[in-house]
Amino acid sequence: MHATPFITVEGPIGVGKTSLAKKIAEEFQYQLLKEIVDENPFLGKFYENIDEWSFQTEMFFLCNRYKQLEDIDQLHLRKQKAVVADYHILKNLIFAKRTLKDKQYDKYLQIYDILTADMPKPNVIIYLNASLDTLLTRIEMRGRDIEKKIDPLYLQQLSIDYDAEMDRLEQQYPSLPILRFNGDDVDFVQRKEDLQHIFQALKSTLQKGVNV
């Protein structure tokens, strides 16, 4: 059964998710869904002391993303209006697994399962990844004060976790298109030909049709 395109751009911090999602929204005339980041009151404290502030940080993100997805479903997807987002809700589990203690994660997972049970799931994933040096360079270039506190080791582990999760998704859902691009080789901000390459890959995928 063909479905309305719901595309997500995913990858670790600093890889360019929002920039690419914006360009896709402009090119394809899709509704853009951007995650709430700066509004999280716990994020600065989280980067300073992950153990102390991880649960509060992850719960804030989960509740806000739930509300965003609920709205986007009612206002756009159910009306057959295509959407591109700069996150996939599964990122909550990627981050939570890395930062929460076992008992905290068990509680978090219960809440996550309840909230996401009837949430719309993207039917195309664009996955961006890059080396640690590239991620750190791009984080420095965009100059967010909060992100200056990110531990490079945490960022590297997060990148590994993302790779593993994408591999798992491909195995579990072989019909789900996952378009992978390496940020070390592809610079869609500075090189128009790289951006067009991504657009063409997405167009080819959409022409084949996306499934529920």
N, C-alpha and C. Protein backbone atom coordinates (compact mmCIF):
# COMPACT_ATOMS: atom_id res chain seq x y z
N MET A 1 0.85 -1.19 0.00
CA MET A 1 0.00 0.00 0.00
C MET A 1 0.88 1.24 0.00
N HIS A 2 0.71 2.12 -0.98
CA HIS A 2 1.50 3.33 -1.06
C HIS A 2 1.02 4.32 -0.01
N ALA A 3 1.96 5.11 0.49
CA ALA A 3 1.65 6.05 1.56
C ALA A 3 2.21 7.42 1.21
N THR A 4 1.73 8.42 1.93
CA THR A 4 2.27 9.77 1.80
C THR A 4 3.73 9.77 2.24
N PRO A 5 4.63 10.37 1.47
CA PRO A 5 6.03 10.40 1.88
C PRO A 5 6.22 11.08 3.24
N PHE A 6 6.87 10.38 4.14
CA PHE A 6 7.28 10.93 5.42
C PHE A 6 8.77 10.60 5.54
N ILE A 7 9.58 11.59 5.24
CA ILE A 7 11.03 11.41 5.13
C ILE A 7 11.70 11.96 6.38
N THR A 8 12.68 11.23 6.87
CA THR A 8 13.45 11.74 8.00
C THR A 8 14.92 11.76 7.63
N VAL A 9 15.60 12.80 8.08
CA VAL A 9 17.05 12.91 7.94
C VAL A 9 17.65 12.65 9.31
N GLU A 10 18.51 11.65 9.40
CA GLU A 10 19.07 11.29 10.70
C GLU A 10 20.59 11.19 10.64
N GLY A 11 21.17 11.18 11.84
CA GLY A 11 22.62 11.09 11.98
C GLY A 11 23.05 11.76 13.27
N PRO A 12 24.32 11.64 13.63
CA PRO A 12 24.81 12.17 14.89
C PRO A 12 24.85 13.70 14.93
N ILE A 13 25.08 14.24 16.08
CA ILE A 13 25.12 15.69 16.29
C ILE A 13 26.16 16.32 15.36
N GLY A 14 25.75 17.39 14.66
CA GLY A 14 26.68 18.14 13.85
C GLY A 14 26.82 17.68 12.41
N VAL A 15 26.10 16.64 12.01
CA VAL A 15 26.31 16.07 10.68
C VAL A 15 25.57 16.84 9.58
N GLY A 16 24.60 17.67 9.97
CA GLY A 16 23.90 18.49 8.99
C GLY A 16 22.46 18.11 8.72
N LYS A 17 21.81 17.48 9.68
CA LYS A 17 20.44 16.99 9.49
C LYS A 17 19.46 18.13 9.15
N THR A 18 19.49 19.16 9.96
CA THR A 18 18.53 20.25 9.76
C THR A 18 18.78 20.98 8.45
N SER A 19 20.03 21.20 8.13
CA SER A 19 20.35 21.89 6.87
C SER A 19 19.82 21.11 5.68
N LEU A 20 20.01 19.79 5.67
CA LEU A 20 19.54 18.99 4.56
C LEU A 20 18.02 18.90 4.54
N ALA A 21 17.40 18.75 5.70
CA ALA A 21 15.94 18.68 5.76
C ALA A 21 15.32 19.96 5.20
N LYS A 22 15.90 21.10 5.51
CA LYS A 22 15.40 22.38 4.99
C LYS A 22 15.49 22.41 3.46
N LYS A 23 16.61 21.95 2.92
CA LYS A 23 16.81 21.98 1.47
C LYS A 23 15.85 21.02 0.77
N ILE A 24 15.59 19.88 1.38
CA ILE A 24 14.62 18.94 0.81
C ILE A 24 13.21 19.55 0.84
N ALA A 25 12.86 20.19 1.95
CA ALA A 25 11.55 20.82 2.06
C ALA A 25 11.36 21.87 0.97
N GLU A 26 12.40 22.65 0.70
CA GLU A 26 12.32 23.68 -0.33
C GLU A 26 12.23 23.08 -1.73
N GLU A 27 13.05 22.06 -1.99
CA GLU A 27 13.09 21.46 -3.32
C GLU A 27 11.81 20.72 -3.66
N PHE A 28 11.27 19.97 -2.71
CA PHE A 28 10.11 19.11 -2.97
C PHE A 28 8.79 19.74 -2.52
N GLN A 29 8.87 20.91 -1.90
CA GLN A 29 7.69 21.58 -1.36
C GLN A 29 6.97 20.71 -0.33
N TYR A 30 7.75 20.18 0.61
CA TYR A 30 7.23 19.38 1.70
C TYR A 30 7.14 20.21 2.98
N GLN A 31 6.28 19.80 3.86
CA GLN A 31 6.24 20.40 5.19
C GLN A 31 7.50 20.01 5.95
N LEU A 32 8.12 20.98 6.61
CA LEU A 32 9.34 20.74 7.38
C LEU A 32 9.02 20.57 8.86
N LEU A 33 9.52 19.50 9.45
CA LEU A 33 9.40 19.26 10.88
C LEU A 33 10.79 19.31 11.50
N LYS A 34 11.01 20.28 12.39
CA LYS A 34 12.31 20.44 13.03
C LYS A 34 12.20 20.10 14.51
N GLU A 35 13.18 19.36 15.01
CA GLU A 35 13.15 19.01 16.42
C GLU A 35 13.47 20.22 17.28
N ILE A 36 12.93 20.20 18.49
CA ILE A 36 13.20 21.24 19.48
C ILE A 36 14.49 20.88 20.21
N VAL A 37 15.47 21.76 20.17
CA VAL A 37 16.75 21.50 20.82
C VAL A 37 17.05 22.58 21.85
N ASP A 38 17.20 23.81 21.38
CA ASP A 38 17.62 24.90 22.27
C ASP A 38 16.64 25.15 23.40
N GLU A 39 15.38 24.77 23.20
CA GLU A 39 14.37 25.02 24.24
C GLU A 39 14.47 24.05 25.40
N ASN A 40 15.28 23.00 25.27
CA ASN A 40 15.41 22.03 26.35
C ASN A 40 16.20 22.64 27.50
N PRO A 41 15.57 22.88 28.66
CA PRO A 41 16.25 23.57 29.76
C PRO A 41 17.33 22.73 30.43
N PHE A 42 17.37 21.43 30.13
CA PHE A 42 18.32 20.54 30.79
C PHE A 42 19.57 20.28 29.95
N LEU A 43 19.57 20.72 28.69
CA LEU A 43 20.61 20.28 27.76
C LEU A 43 22.00 20.76 28.16
N GLY A 44 22.11 22.02 28.56
CA GLY A 44 23.40 22.55 28.98
C GLY A 44 23.96 21.79 30.17
N LYS A 45 23.09 21.51 31.13
CA LYS A 45 23.51 20.75 32.31
C LYS A 45 23.88 19.32 31.92
N PHE A 46 23.16 18.78 30.93
CA PHE A 46 23.43 17.42 30.47
C PHE A 46 24.85 17.29 29.94
N TYR A 47 25.28 18.22 29.10
CA TYR A 47 26.62 18.15 28.53
C TYR A 47 27.71 18.35 29.59
N GLU A 48 27.35 19.00 30.69
CA GLU A 48 28.32 19.18 31.78
C GLU A 48 28.38 17.96 32.68
N ASN A 49 27.22 17.30 32.87
CA ASN A 49 27.16 16.15 33.78
C ASN A 49 26.09 15.19 33.25
N ILE A 50 26.50 14.29 32.37
CA ILE A 50 25.56 13.39 31.71
C ILE A 50 24.82 12.50 32.69
N ASP A 51 25.53 11.92 33.65
CA ASP A 51 24.91 11.00 34.59
C ASP A 51 23.80 11.68 35.40
N GLU A 52 24.02 12.91 35.76
CA GLU A 52 23.08 13.62 36.64
C GLU A 52 21.82 14.08 35.90
N TRP A 53 21.97 14.46 34.62
CA TRP A 53 20.87 15.13 33.94
C TRP A 53 20.31 14.37 32.74
N SER A 54 20.74 13.14 32.53
CA SER A 54 20.32 12.42 31.33
C SER A 54 18.82 12.11 31.31
N PHE A 55 18.27 11.67 32.43
CA PHE A 55 16.86 11.26 32.43
C PHE A 55 15.95 12.46 32.16
N GLN A 56 16.22 13.58 32.83
CA GLN A 56 15.40 14.77 32.61
C GLN A 56 15.50 15.25 31.16
N THR A 57 16.72 15.20 30.63
CA THR A 57 16.94 15.65 29.26
C THR A 57 16.19 14.77 28.26
N GLU A 58 16.29 13.46 28.42
CA GLU A 58 15.65 12.56 27.47
C GLU A 58 14.13 12.60 27.59
N MET A 59 13.60 12.77 28.78
CA MET A 59 12.16 12.85 28.95
C MET A 59 11.60 14.12 28.30
N PHE A 60 12.33 15.22 28.42
CA PHE A 60 11.89 16.46 27.78
C PHE A 60 11.81 16.26 26.27
N PHE A 61 12.86 15.69 25.69
CA PHE A 61 12.87 15.46 24.25
C PHE A 61 11.74 14.53 23.83
N LEU A 62 11.53 13.46 24.57
CA LEU A 62 10.50 12.49 24.21
C LEU A 62 9.12 13.13 24.21
N CYS A 63 8.80 13.87 25.24
CA CYS A 63 7.46 14.48 25.33
C CYS A 63 7.25 15.51 24.23
N ASN A 64 8.26 16.30 23.94
CA ASN A 64 8.12 17.31 22.90
C ASN A 64 8.03 16.68 21.51
N ARG A 65 8.82 15.65 21.26
CA ARG A 65 8.76 14.99 19.96
C ARG A 65 7.42 14.27 19.78
N TYR A 66 6.90 13.72 20.85
CA TYR A 66 5.58 13.09 20.78
C TYR A 66 4.53 14.12 20.34
N LYS A 67 4.55 15.28 20.95
CA LYS A 67 3.58 16.33 20.61
C LYS A 67 3.77 16.79 19.17
N GLN A 68 5.02 16.97 18.75
CA GLN A 68 5.28 17.38 17.37
C GLN A 68 4.74 16.37 16.37
N LEU A 69 5.00 15.09 16.61
CA LEU A 69 4.55 14.06 15.69
C LEU A 69 3.04 13.91 15.69
N GLU A 70 2.43 14.10 16.84
CA GLU A 70 0.97 14.07 16.91
C GLU A 70 0.37 15.17 16.05
N ASP A 71 0.95 16.37 16.15
CA ASP A 71 0.47 17.50 15.35
C ASP A 71 0.70 17.29 13.86
N ILE A 72 1.89 16.81 13.51
CA ILE A 72 2.22 16.65 12.10
C ILE A 72 1.35 15.56 11.46
N ASP A 73 0.98 14.57 12.23
CA ASP A 73 0.10 13.52 11.74
C ASP A 73 -1.28 14.07 11.44
N GLN A 74 -1.82 14.82 12.37
CA GLN A 74 -3.18 15.34 12.21
C GLN A 74 -3.28 16.42 11.15
N LEU A 75 -2.27 17.29 11.09
CA LEU A 75 -2.34 18.46 10.22
C LEU A 75 -1.83 18.21 8.81
N HIS A 76 -1.01 17.17 8.64
CA HIS A 76 -0.38 16.98 7.34
C HIS A 76 -0.52 15.54 6.81
N LEU A 77 0.03 14.56 7.52
CA LEU A 77 0.07 13.20 6.97
C LEU A 77 -1.32 12.64 6.70
N ARG A 78 -2.25 12.86 7.60
CA ARG A 78 -3.60 12.34 7.40
C ARG A 78 -4.33 13.05 6.25
N LYS A 79 -3.79 14.20 5.85
CA LYS A 79 -4.34 14.94 4.72
C LYS A 79 -3.51 14.72 3.45
N GLN A 80 -2.69 13.66 3.48
CA GLN A 80 -1.84 13.29 2.34
C GLN A 80 -0.87 14.39 1.93
N LYS A 81 -0.38 15.14 2.93
CA LYS A 81 0.63 16.17 2.69
C LYS A 81 1.98 15.63 3.17
N ALA A 82 2.94 15.58 2.26
CA ALA A 82 4.25 14.98 2.57
C ALA A 82 5.02 15.83 3.58
N VAL A 83 5.86 15.14 4.35
CA VAL A 83 6.62 15.77 5.43
C VAL A 83 8.07 15.31 5.38
N VAL A 84 8.99 16.23 5.67
CA VAL A 84 10.38 15.86 5.88
C VAL A 84 10.79 16.38 7.26
N ALA A 85 11.39 15.51 8.05
CA ALA A 85 11.78 15.84 9.42
C ALA A 85 13.28 15.73 9.59
N ASP A 86 13.82 16.49 10.53
CA ASP A 86 15.27 16.40 10.80
C ASP A 86 15.57 15.47 11.98
N TYR A 87 14.61 14.58 12.26
CA TYR A 87 14.87 13.54 13.26
C TYR A 87 13.88 12.40 13.09
N HIS A 88 14.26 11.25 13.60
CA HIS A 88 13.39 10.07 13.70
C HIS A 88 13.20 9.82 15.19
N ILE A 89 11.99 9.46 15.59
CA ILE A 89 11.72 9.26 17.01
C ILE A 89 12.61 8.19 17.63
N LEU A 90 13.12 7.27 16.82
CA LEU A 90 13.99 6.23 17.38
C LEU A 90 15.29 6.79 17.95
N LYS A 91 15.63 8.04 17.58
CA LYS A 91 16.85 8.61 18.13
C LYS A 91 16.77 8.70 19.65
N ASN A 92 15.55 8.79 20.18
CA ASN A 92 15.40 8.82 21.63
C ASN A 92 16.02 7.60 22.28
N LEU A 93 15.83 6.45 21.66
CA LEU A 93 16.38 5.22 22.24
C LEU A 93 17.90 5.15 22.05
N ILE A 94 18.39 5.68 20.94
CA ILE A 94 19.83 5.69 20.72
C ILE A 94 20.52 6.49 21.82
N PHE A 95 19.99 7.66 22.10
CA PHE A 95 20.59 8.51 23.14
C PHE A 95 20.36 7.92 24.53
N ALA A 96 19.14 7.43 24.77
CA ALA A 96 18.82 6.91 26.11
C ALA A 96 19.66 5.69 26.45
N LYS A 97 19.87 4.80 25.49
CA LYS A 97 20.69 3.61 25.75
C LYS A 97 22.11 3.99 26.13
N ARG A 98 22.60 5.07 25.55
CA ARG A 98 23.97 5.50 25.81
C ARG A 98 24.12 6.18 27.16
N THR A 99 23.08 6.85 27.64
CA THR A 99 23.25 7.73 28.80
C THR A 99 22.52 7.30 30.07
N LEU A 100 21.44 6.53 29.95
CA LEU A 100 20.65 6.20 31.13
C LEU A 100 21.17 4.95 31.83
N LYS A 101 21.03 4.94 33.14
CA LYS A 101 21.32 3.73 33.92
C LYS A 101 20.23 2.70 33.65
N ASP A 102 20.51 1.43 33.98
CA ASP A 102 19.61 0.33 33.62
C ASP A 102 18.18 0.55 34.10
N LYS A 103 17.99 0.90 35.38
CA LYS A 103 16.64 1.08 35.92
C LYS A 103 15.96 2.28 35.27
N GLN A 104 16.74 3.35 35.04
CA GLN A 104 16.17 4.51 34.37
C GLN A 104 15.75 4.16 32.95
N TYR A 105 16.57 3.40 32.27
CA TYR A 105 16.27 3.04 30.88
C TYR A 105 15.02 2.16 30.81
N ASP A 106 14.87 1.25 31.75
CA ASP A 106 13.68 0.40 31.77
C ASP A 106 12.41 1.23 31.91
N LYS A 107 12.44 2.22 32.80
CA LYS A 107 11.28 3.09 32.99
C LYS A 107 11.04 3.93 31.73
N TYR A 108 12.12 4.43 31.19
CA TYR A 108 12.03 5.26 29.99
C TYR A 108 11.45 4.47 28.83
N LEU A 109 11.89 3.24 28.68
CA LEU A 109 11.43 2.40 27.57
C LEU A 109 9.93 2.13 27.67
N GLN A 110 9.44 1.93 28.88
CA GLN A 110 8.01 1.71 29.07
C GLN A 110 7.21 2.92 28.59
N ILE A 111 7.68 4.11 28.96
CA ILE A 111 7.00 5.34 28.55
C ILE A 111 7.10 5.53 27.04
N TYR A 112 8.28 5.27 26.50
CA TYR A 112 8.51 5.40 25.06
C TYR A 112 7.56 4.49 24.28
N ASP A 113 7.44 3.24 24.71
CA ASP A 113 6.58 2.29 24.00
C ASP A 113 5.13 2.73 24.00
N ILE A 114 4.68 3.26 25.12
CA ILE A 114 3.29 3.72 25.21
C ILE A 114 3.06 4.91 24.27
N LEU A 115 3.96 5.88 24.31
CA LEU A 115 3.78 7.10 23.53
C LEU A 115 3.91 6.86 22.02
N THR A 116 4.79 5.95 21.63
CA THR A 116 5.07 5.78 20.21
C THR A 116 4.24 4.68 19.55
N ALA A 117 3.41 4.02 20.31
CA ALA A 117 2.66 2.87 19.78
C ALA A 117 1.87 3.22 18.53
N ASP A 118 1.25 4.39 18.49
CA ASP A 118 0.42 4.77 17.35
C ASP A 118 0.97 6.00 16.63
N MET A 119 2.25 6.29 16.82
CA MET A 119 2.86 7.43 16.14
C MET A 119 3.15 7.09 14.68
N PRO A 120 3.07 8.08 13.79
CA PRO A 120 3.49 7.84 12.41
C PRO A 120 5.00 7.62 12.36
N LYS A 121 5.43 6.66 11.55
CA LYS A 121 6.85 6.36 11.39
C LYS A 121 7.30 6.75 9.98
N PRO A 122 8.47 7.34 9.85
CA PRO A 122 8.97 7.69 8.52
C PRO A 122 9.04 6.47 7.61
N ASN A 123 8.77 6.68 6.31
CA ASN A 123 8.86 5.59 5.36
C ASN A 123 10.05 5.73 4.41
N VAL A 124 10.86 6.77 4.61
CA VAL A 124 12.17 6.92 3.96
C VAL A 124 13.12 7.55 4.96
N ILE A 125 14.31 6.98 5.10
CA ILE A 125 15.33 7.54 5.98
C ILE A 125 16.54 7.95 5.15
N ILE A 126 16.97 9.19 5.36
CA ILE A 126 18.25 9.64 4.80
C ILE A 126 19.22 9.69 5.96
N TYR A 127 20.24 8.85 5.89
CA TYR A 127 21.17 8.72 7.00
C TYR A 127 22.50 9.37 6.65
N LEU A 128 22.88 10.38 7.43
CA LEU A 128 24.15 11.07 7.28
C LEU A 128 25.08 10.67 8.41
N ASN A 129 26.32 10.37 8.07
CA ASN A 129 27.32 10.16 9.10
C ASN A 129 28.64 10.74 8.62
N ALA A 130 29.59 10.88 9.52
CA ALA A 130 30.88 11.46 9.18
C ALA A 130 31.88 11.09 10.26
N SER A 131 33.14 11.31 9.97
CA SER A 131 34.18 11.04 10.95
C SER A 131 34.07 12.03 12.12
N LEU A 132 34.71 11.67 13.21
CA LEU A 132 34.67 12.54 14.39
C LEU A 132 35.24 13.91 14.08
N ASP A 133 36.32 13.97 13.33
CA ASP A 133 36.92 15.27 12.99
C ASP A 133 35.94 16.16 12.23
N THR A 134 35.23 15.56 11.29
CA THR A 134 34.25 16.34 10.52
C THR A 134 33.11 16.82 11.40
N LEU A 135 32.62 15.96 12.27
CA LEU A 135 31.54 16.36 13.18
C LEU A 135 31.97 17.50 14.09
N LEU A 136 33.16 17.38 14.66
CA LEU A 136 33.66 18.43 15.56
C LEU A 136 33.86 19.75 14.83
N THR A 137 34.35 19.66 13.60
CA THR A 137 34.56 20.88 12.81
C THR A 137 33.24 21.57 12.54
N ARG A 138 32.21 20.81 12.19
CA ARG A 138 30.92 21.41 11.87
C ARG A 138 30.23 21.95 13.12
N ILE A 139 30.41 21.27 14.23
CA ILE A 139 29.86 21.78 15.49
C ILE A 139 30.51 23.11 15.85
N GLU A 140 31.82 23.18 15.67
CA GLU A 140 32.54 24.43 15.95
C GLU A 140 32.09 25.54 15.01
N MET A 141 31.88 25.21 13.75
CA MET A 141 31.48 26.22 12.76
C MET A 141 30.12 26.82 13.06
N ARG A 142 29.18 26.02 13.57
CA ARG A 142 27.85 26.58 13.82
C ARG A 142 27.77 27.30 15.16
N GLY A 143 28.75 27.10 16.03
CA GLY A 143 28.96 27.97 17.17
C GLY A 143 27.90 28.00 18.25
N ARG A 144 27.23 26.89 18.48
CA ARG A 144 26.26 26.84 19.59
C ARG A 144 27.01 26.71 20.91
N ASP A 145 26.74 27.61 21.82
CA ASP A 145 27.45 27.60 23.10
C ASP A 145 27.27 26.28 23.84
N ILE A 146 26.05 25.75 23.82
CA ILE A 146 25.76 24.51 24.54
C ILE A 146 26.63 23.37 24.03
N GLU A 147 26.82 23.31 22.71
CA GLU A 147 27.54 22.19 22.12
C GLU A 147 29.04 22.25 22.33
N LYS A 148 29.54 23.37 22.80
CA LYS A 148 30.97 23.47 23.09
C LYS A 148 31.37 22.55 24.24
N LYS A 149 30.39 22.10 25.00
CA LYS A 149 30.65 21.24 26.16
C LYS A 149 30.61 19.76 25.81
N ILE A 150 30.32 19.42 24.56
CA ILE A 150 30.19 18.02 24.18
C ILE A 150 31.55 17.32 24.29
N ASP A 151 31.56 16.18 24.95
CA ASP A 151 32.76 15.35 25.06
C ASP A 151 32.96 14.63 23.71
N PRO A 152 34.12 14.78 23.07
CA PRO A 152 34.36 14.09 21.79
C PRO A 152 34.16 12.58 21.87
N LEU A 153 34.51 11.98 23.02
CA LEU A 153 34.31 10.55 23.18
C LEU A 153 32.83 10.19 23.13
N TYR A 154 32.01 11.01 23.76
CA TYR A 154 30.56 10.80 23.72
C TYR A 154 30.06 10.90 22.29
N LEU A 155 30.54 11.87 21.55
CA LEU A 155 30.13 12.06 20.17
C LEU A 155 30.55 10.88 19.30
N GLN A 156 31.75 10.38 19.52
CA GLN A 156 32.23 9.23 18.75
C GLN A 156 31.40 7.98 19.05
N GLN A 157 31.09 7.76 20.32
CA GLN A 157 30.27 6.61 20.70
C GLN A 157 28.87 6.72 20.08
N LEU A 158 28.35 7.94 20.06
CA LEU A 158 27.03 8.18 19.50
C LEU A 158 27.00 7.85 18.01
N SER A 159 28.06 8.21 17.32
CA SER A 159 28.16 7.91 15.89
C SER A 159 28.17 6.39 15.65
N ILE A 160 28.88 5.67 16.48
CA ILE A 160 28.91 4.21 16.38
C ILE A 160 27.52 3.63 16.64
N ASP A 161 26.84 4.18 17.63
CA ASP A 161 25.49 3.72 17.96
C ASP A 161 24.53 3.94 16.79
N TYR A 162 24.67 5.07 16.12
CA TYR A 162 23.82 5.35 14.96
C TYR A 162 24.05 4.34 13.85
N ASP A 163 25.31 4.04 13.57
CA ASP A 163 25.61 3.04 12.53
C ASP A 163 24.96 1.70 12.86
N ALA A 164 25.07 1.30 14.11
CA ALA A 164 24.50 0.02 14.53
C ALA A 164 22.98 0.02 14.40
N GLU A 165 22.36 1.14 14.75
CA GLU A 165 20.90 1.21 14.67
C GLU A 165 20.41 1.17 13.22
N MET A 166 21.13 1.84 12.33
CA MET A 166 20.74 1.79 10.92
C MET A 166 20.90 0.39 10.34
N ASP A 167 21.96 -0.29 10.75
CA ASP A 167 22.15 -1.68 10.31
C ASP A 167 20.99 -2.56 10.81
N ARG A 168 20.59 -2.33 12.05
CA ARG A 168 19.49 -3.11 12.63
C ARG A 168 18.18 -2.85 11.88
N LEU A 169 17.93 -1.57 11.57
CA LEU A 169 16.70 -1.23 10.85
C LEU A 169 16.66 -1.89 9.47
N GLU A 170 17.79 -1.89 8.79
CA GLU A 170 17.84 -2.51 7.46
C GLU A 170 17.54 -3.99 7.52
N GLN A 171 18.01 -4.64 8.57
CA GLN A 171 17.76 -6.07 8.72
C GLN A 171 16.32 -6.35 9.12
N GLN A 172 15.79 -5.53 10.02
CA GLN A 172 14.45 -5.76 10.54
C GLN A 172 13.37 -5.33 9.55
N TYR A 173 13.66 -4.25 8.79
CA TYR A 173 12.66 -3.72 7.85
C TYR A 173 13.32 -3.58 6.47
N PRO A 174 13.51 -4.69 5.76
CA PRO A 174 14.23 -4.65 4.49
C PRO A 174 13.54 -3.81 3.41
N SER A 175 12.25 -3.55 3.55
CA SER A 175 11.54 -2.73 2.57
C SER A 175 11.61 -1.23 2.88
N LEU A 176 12.20 -0.87 4.01
CA LEU A 176 12.33 0.54 4.38
C LEU A 176 13.57 1.13 3.71
N PRO A 177 13.41 2.09 2.80
CA PRO A 177 14.58 2.67 2.14
C PRO A 177 15.42 3.50 3.12
N ILE A 178 16.71 3.18 3.19
CA ILE A 178 17.65 3.97 3.98
C ILE A 178 18.75 4.42 3.02
N LEU A 179 18.77 5.72 2.74
CA LEU A 179 19.75 6.29 1.82
C LEU A 179 20.91 6.83 2.65
N ARG A 180 22.09 6.25 2.47
CA ARG A 180 23.25 6.60 3.30
C ARG A 180 24.20 7.52 2.52
N PHE A 181 24.67 8.56 3.24
CA PHE A 181 25.64 9.48 2.67
C PHE A 181 26.72 9.79 3.71
N ASN A 182 27.97 9.75 3.26
CA ASN A 182 29.11 10.02 4.13
C ASN A 182 29.47 11.49 4.08
N GLY A 183 29.36 12.17 5.21
CA GLY A 183 29.63 13.60 5.28
C GLY A 183 31.08 13.97 5.03
N ASP A 184 31.99 13.00 5.10
CA ASP A 184 33.38 13.29 4.76
C ASP A 184 33.55 13.49 3.25
N ASP A 185 32.69 12.83 2.48
CA ASP A 185 32.79 12.87 1.02
C ASP A 185 31.75 13.78 0.38
N VAL A 186 30.63 13.96 1.05
CA VAL A 186 29.52 14.73 0.50
C VAL A 186 29.33 16.02 1.30
N ASP A 187 29.42 17.15 0.64
CA ASP A 187 29.21 18.46 1.27
C ASP A 187 28.09 19.16 0.52
N PHE A 188 26.86 18.91 0.93
CA PHE A 188 25.70 19.43 0.22
C PHE A 188 25.47 20.91 0.47
N VAL A 189 26.20 21.49 1.42
CA VAL A 189 26.09 22.93 1.67
C VAL A 189 26.99 23.71 0.71
N GLN A 190 28.22 23.23 0.53
CA GLN A 190 29.19 23.94 -0.30
C GLN A 190 29.19 23.51 -1.76
N ARG A 191 28.74 22.29 -2.05
CA ARG A 191 28.81 21.78 -3.41
C ARG A 191 27.41 21.43 -3.92
N LYS A 192 26.96 22.18 -4.91
CA LYS A 192 25.61 21.97 -5.44
C LYS A 192 25.45 20.59 -6.06
N GLU A 193 26.54 20.07 -6.65
CA GLU A 193 26.44 18.76 -7.29
C GLU A 193 26.18 17.66 -6.25
N ASP A 194 26.73 17.83 -5.04
CA ASP A 194 26.47 16.86 -3.98
C ASP A 194 25.01 16.91 -3.54
N LEU A 195 24.47 18.12 -3.45
CA LEU A 195 23.06 18.28 -3.08
C LEU A 195 22.17 17.66 -4.15
N GLN A 196 22.49 17.89 -5.40
CA GLN A 196 21.69 17.32 -6.49
C GLN A 196 21.77 15.80 -6.49
N HIS A 197 22.92 15.26 -6.11
CA HIS A 197 23.07 13.81 -6.01
C HIS A 197 22.10 13.24 -4.97
N ILE A 198 21.99 13.92 -3.84
CA ILE A 198 21.05 13.48 -2.80
C ILE A 198 19.61 13.62 -3.28
N PHE A 199 19.30 14.75 -3.92
CA PHE A 199 17.95 14.94 -4.45
C PHE A 199 17.58 13.83 -5.43
N GLN A 200 18.51 13.47 -6.30
CA GLN A 200 18.22 12.46 -7.31
C GLN A 200 18.00 11.09 -6.68
N ALA A 201 18.80 10.78 -5.67
CA ALA A 201 18.62 9.50 -4.97
C ALA A 201 17.24 9.44 -4.30
N LEU A 202 16.83 10.56 -3.72
CA LEU A 202 15.52 10.61 -3.08
C LEU A 202 14.41 10.53 -4.11
N LYS A 203 14.54 11.24 -5.22
CA LYS A 203 13.52 11.18 -6.27
C LYS A 203 13.35 9.76 -6.80
N SER A 204 14.47 9.09 -7.00
CA SER A 204 14.41 7.71 -7.50
C SER A 204 13.67 6.80 -6.52
N THR A 205 13.92 7.01 -5.24
CA THR A 205 13.25 6.21 -4.21
C THR A 205 11.75 6.50 -4.20
N LEU A 206 11.39 7.77 -4.29
CA LEU A 206 9.97 8.13 -4.24
C LEU A 206 9.23 7.64 -5.48
N GLN A 207 9.91 7.62 -6.62
CA GLN A 207 9.28 7.14 -7.86
C GLN A 207 8.92 5.66 -7.76
N LYS A 208 9.68 4.93 -6.97
CA LYS A 208 9.37 3.51 -6.77
C LYS A 208 8.18 3.33 -5.84
N GLY A 209 7.87 4.39 -5.08
CA GLY A 209 6.75 4.33 -4.15
C GLY A 209 7.19 3.92 -2.76
N VAL A 210 6.64 4.59 -1.76
CA VAL A 210 6.95 4.24 -0.38
C VAL A 210 5.76 3.50 0.21
N ASN A 211 6.04 2.61 1.13
CA ASN A 211 5.01 1.75 1.69
C ASN A 211 4.71 2.07 3.13
N VAL A 212 3.54 1.70 3.53
CA VAL A 212 3.14 1.87 4.94
C VAL A 212 3.93 0.89 5.80
